Amino acid sequence: MVERKTPYVIKEQAGTKAYCACGKSNNIPYCDGSHDGTGMTPYIVKIEEEKTVAICGCGHSSNMPYCDGTHLSL
């Protein structure tokens, strides 16, 4: 994943989301299929109701795809 020092804070609607795990997407933090051939798969998350989420931007969270604040110590 492309390292960034802040999370992607997004107001998401209910539904299934695919967040990029490989860092190759042209639509980060969302998966666009660019991982094909890498052996990696996106993080699939079902969002039950509209809410704001913080998606990890540094690639080091222990709670992927969500931010856990690890970027603060990098």
N, C-alpha and C. Protein backbone atom coordinates (compact mmCIF):
# COMPACT_ATOMS: atom_id res chain seq x y z
N MET A 1 0.84 -1.18 0.00
CA MET A 1 0.00 0.00 0.00
C MET A 1 0.89 1.24 0.00
N VAL A 2 0.43 2.28 -0.62
CA VAL A 2 1.15 3.54 -0.65
C VAL A 2 1.06 4.15 0.74
N GLU A 3 2.22 4.40 1.35
CA GLU A 3 2.22 4.93 2.71
C GLU A 3 1.82 6.40 2.74
N ARG A 4 0.93 6.69 3.63
CA ARG A 4 0.42 8.03 3.83
C ARG A 4 0.37 8.26 5.34
N LYS A 5 0.55 9.46 5.78
CA LYS A 5 0.64 9.72 7.22
C LYS A 5 -0.70 10.02 7.88
N THR A 6 -1.78 9.95 7.13
CA THR A 6 -3.11 10.15 7.68
C THR A 6 -4.06 9.12 7.07
N PRO A 7 -5.15 8.81 7.78
CA PRO A 7 -6.13 7.88 7.22
C PRO A 7 -7.02 8.58 6.18
N TYR A 8 -7.73 7.78 5.42
CA TYR A 8 -8.77 8.28 4.52
C TYR A 8 -10.05 8.29 5.33
N VAL A 9 -10.57 9.44 5.65
CA VAL A 9 -11.80 9.55 6.44
C VAL A 9 -12.95 9.76 5.45
N ILE A 10 -13.88 8.80 5.44
CA ILE A 10 -14.92 8.76 4.42
C ILE A 10 -16.28 8.53 5.05
N LYS A 11 -17.27 9.30 4.63
CA LYS A 11 -18.65 9.04 5.03
C LYS A 11 -19.20 8.01 4.04
N GLU A 12 -19.38 6.78 4.52
CA GLU A 12 -19.82 5.69 3.67
C GLU A 12 -21.31 5.42 3.83
N GLN A 13 -21.94 5.09 2.74
CA GLN A 13 -23.32 4.64 2.75
C GLN A 13 -23.33 3.14 3.06
N ALA A 14 -24.48 2.62 3.47
CA ALA A 14 -24.61 1.19 3.74
C ALA A 14 -24.31 0.41 2.46
N GLY A 15 -23.69 -0.76 2.62
CA GLY A 15 -23.39 -1.62 1.49
C GLY A 15 -22.05 -2.30 1.67
N THR A 16 -21.68 -3.11 0.69
CA THR A 16 -20.42 -3.82 0.72
C THR A 16 -19.36 -2.99 0.02
N LYS A 17 -18.24 -2.81 0.67
CA LYS A 17 -17.13 -2.00 0.14
C LYS A 17 -15.91 -2.88 -0.03
N ALA A 18 -15.12 -2.59 -1.06
CA ALA A 18 -13.85 -3.28 -1.29
C ALA A 18 -12.74 -2.23 -1.22
N TYR A 19 -11.93 -2.32 -0.17
CA TYR A 19 -10.83 -1.38 0.02
C TYR A 19 -9.52 -2.00 -0.47
N CYS A 20 -8.71 -1.20 -1.12
CA CYS A 20 -7.45 -1.65 -1.71
C CYS A 20 -6.50 -2.19 -0.64
N ALA A 21 -5.88 -3.33 -0.93
CA ALA A 21 -4.87 -3.90 -0.05
C ALA A 21 -3.49 -3.89 -0.69
N CYS A 22 -3.42 -3.71 -2.01
CA CYS A 22 -2.14 -3.82 -2.72
C CYS A 22 -1.45 -2.49 -2.97
N GLY A 23 -2.20 -1.37 -2.91
CA GLY A 23 -1.62 -0.06 -3.17
C GLY A 23 -1.51 0.30 -4.63
N LYS A 24 -2.01 -0.56 -5.52
CA LYS A 24 -1.90 -0.31 -6.96
C LYS A 24 -3.15 0.35 -7.56
N SER A 25 -4.22 0.45 -6.80
CA SER A 25 -5.47 1.00 -7.30
C SER A 25 -5.30 2.45 -7.75
N ASN A 26 -6.00 2.81 -8.80
CA ASN A 26 -6.04 4.20 -9.25
C ASN A 26 -7.16 4.95 -8.54
N ASN A 27 -7.85 4.26 -7.63
CA ASN A 27 -8.98 4.84 -6.91
C ASN A 27 -8.85 4.59 -5.40
N ILE A 28 -7.62 4.68 -4.88
CA ILE A 28 -7.38 4.44 -3.44
C ILE A 28 -8.22 5.39 -2.61
N PRO A 29 -8.89 4.92 -1.58
CA PRO A 29 -8.68 3.67 -0.88
C PRO A 29 -9.50 2.50 -1.40
N TYR A 30 -10.23 2.69 -2.48
CA TYR A 30 -11.08 1.62 -3.01
C TYR A 30 -10.31 0.74 -3.98
N CYS A 31 -10.70 -0.52 -4.04
CA CYS A 31 -10.11 -1.47 -4.98
C CYS A 31 -10.68 -1.24 -6.38
N ASP A 32 -9.80 -1.27 -7.38
CA ASP A 32 -10.26 -1.18 -8.77
C ASP A 32 -9.83 -2.40 -9.58
N GLY A 33 -9.36 -3.45 -8.90
CA GLY A 33 -8.96 -4.68 -9.58
C GLY A 33 -7.49 -4.71 -9.99
N SER A 34 -6.74 -3.66 -9.69
CA SER A 34 -5.34 -3.60 -10.09
C SER A 34 -4.47 -4.66 -9.41
N HIS A 35 -5.00 -5.33 -8.40
CA HIS A 35 -4.26 -6.37 -7.69
C HIS A 35 -4.16 -7.67 -8.48
N ASP A 36 -4.89 -7.80 -9.58
CA ASP A 36 -4.86 -9.04 -10.36
C ASP A 36 -3.42 -9.46 -10.64
N GLY A 37 -3.11 -10.71 -10.31
CA GLY A 37 -1.78 -11.24 -10.53
C GLY A 37 -0.81 -11.02 -9.38
N THR A 38 -1.23 -10.30 -8.34
CA THR A 38 -0.32 -10.02 -7.22
C THR A 38 -0.46 -11.05 -6.10
N GLY A 39 -1.53 -11.82 -6.13
CA GLY A 39 -1.79 -12.75 -5.04
C GLY A 39 -2.50 -12.09 -3.87
N MET A 40 -2.75 -10.80 -3.98
CA MET A 40 -3.44 -10.07 -2.90
C MET A 40 -4.91 -9.93 -3.25
N THR A 41 -5.72 -9.72 -2.23
CA THR A 41 -7.15 -9.49 -2.43
C THR A 41 -7.55 -8.27 -1.61
N PRO A 42 -8.63 -7.61 -2.03
CA PRO A 42 -9.06 -6.41 -1.30
C PRO A 42 -9.66 -6.77 0.06
N TYR A 43 -9.75 -5.77 0.90
CA TYR A 43 -10.45 -5.91 2.18
C TYR A 43 -11.92 -5.67 1.90
N ILE A 44 -12.74 -6.67 2.11
CA ILE A 44 -14.18 -6.56 1.88
C ILE A 44 -14.86 -6.28 3.21
N VAL A 45 -15.64 -5.21 3.24
CA VAL A 45 -16.30 -4.77 4.47
C VAL A 45 -17.77 -4.53 4.18
N LYS A 46 -18.63 -5.08 5.04
CA LYS A 46 -20.05 -4.80 4.93
C LYS A 46 -20.41 -3.70 5.93
N ILE A 47 -20.90 -2.60 5.41
CA ILE A 47 -21.30 -1.47 6.24
C ILE A 47 -22.82 -1.54 6.38
N GLU A 48 -23.27 -1.68 7.61
CA GLU A 48 -24.69 -1.89 7.88
C GLU A 48 -25.53 -0.63 7.73
N GLU A 49 -24.96 0.51 8.10
CA GLU A 49 -25.70 1.77 8.02
C GLU A 49 -24.70 2.90 7.73
N GLU A 50 -25.19 4.01 7.23
CA GLU A 50 -24.31 5.14 6.93
C GLU A 50 -23.47 5.49 8.15
N LYS A 51 -22.16 5.65 7.92
CA LYS A 51 -21.27 6.03 9.00
C LYS A 51 -19.96 6.54 8.42
N THR A 52 -19.20 7.23 9.25
CA THR A 52 -17.88 7.71 8.84
C THR A 52 -16.84 6.69 9.29
N VAL A 53 -15.97 6.32 8.36
CA VAL A 53 -14.91 5.36 8.66
C VAL A 53 -13.55 6.00 8.39
N ALA A 54 -12.53 5.52 9.09
CA ALA A 54 -11.15 5.96 8.87
C ALA A 54 -10.39 4.76 8.32
N ILE A 55 -10.08 4.80 7.02
CA ILE A 55 -9.38 3.71 6.36
C ILE A 55 -7.88 3.97 6.42
N CYS A 56 -7.13 2.97 6.83
CA CYS A 56 -5.68 3.09 7.00
C CYS A 56 -5.02 3.60 5.72
N GLY A 57 -4.15 4.58 5.87
CA GLY A 57 -3.40 5.11 4.74
C GLY A 57 -1.93 4.72 4.78
N CYS A 58 -1.44 4.28 5.94
CA CYS A 58 -0.02 3.96 6.07
C CYS A 58 0.30 2.51 5.75
N GLY A 59 -0.70 1.65 5.80
CA GLY A 59 -0.49 0.24 5.50
C GLY A 59 0.04 -0.58 6.66
N HIS A 60 0.09 -0.02 7.86
CA HIS A 60 0.67 -0.71 9.00
C HIS A 60 -0.32 -0.97 10.14
N SER A 61 -1.58 -0.65 9.97
CA SER A 61 -2.58 -0.85 11.02
C SER A 61 -2.68 -2.34 11.38
N SER A 62 -2.92 -2.62 12.62
CA SER A 62 -3.16 -4.01 13.03
C SER A 62 -4.64 -4.34 12.94
N ASN A 63 -5.43 -3.41 12.43
CA ASN A 63 -6.87 -3.59 12.29
C ASN A 63 -7.32 -3.24 10.87
N MET A 64 -6.56 -3.70 9.87
CA MET A 64 -6.86 -3.36 8.48
C MET A 64 -8.27 -3.80 8.12
N PRO A 65 -8.99 -3.02 7.33
CA PRO A 65 -8.54 -1.83 6.63
C PRO A 65 -8.67 -0.54 7.44
N TYR A 66 -9.04 -0.67 8.70
CA TYR A 66 -9.28 0.52 9.50
C TYR A 66 -8.00 1.07 10.14
N CYS A 67 -7.96 2.37 10.31
CA CYS A 67 -6.85 3.04 10.97
C CYS A 67 -6.88 2.74 12.47
N ASP A 68 -5.70 2.44 13.03
CA ASP A 68 -5.60 2.25 14.48
C ASP A 68 -4.61 3.23 15.11
N GLY A 69 -4.18 4.22 14.32
CA GLY A 69 -3.28 5.25 14.83
C GLY A 69 -1.81 4.91 14.68
N THR A 70 -1.47 3.78 14.08
CA THR A 70 -0.08 3.38 13.93
C THR A 70 0.74 4.43 13.18
N HIS A 71 0.12 5.15 12.25
CA HIS A 71 0.83 6.17 11.46
C HIS A 71 1.48 7.23 12.35
N LEU A 72 0.97 7.41 13.55
CA LEU A 72 1.52 8.41 14.47
C LEU A 72 2.91 8.04 14.96
N SER A 73 3.26 6.77 14.89
CA SER A 73 4.57 6.33 15.40
C SER A 73 5.56 6.01 14.27
N LEU A 74 5.16 6.26 13.03
CA LEU A 74 6.06 5.96 11.90
C LEU A 74 7.03 7.08 11.62
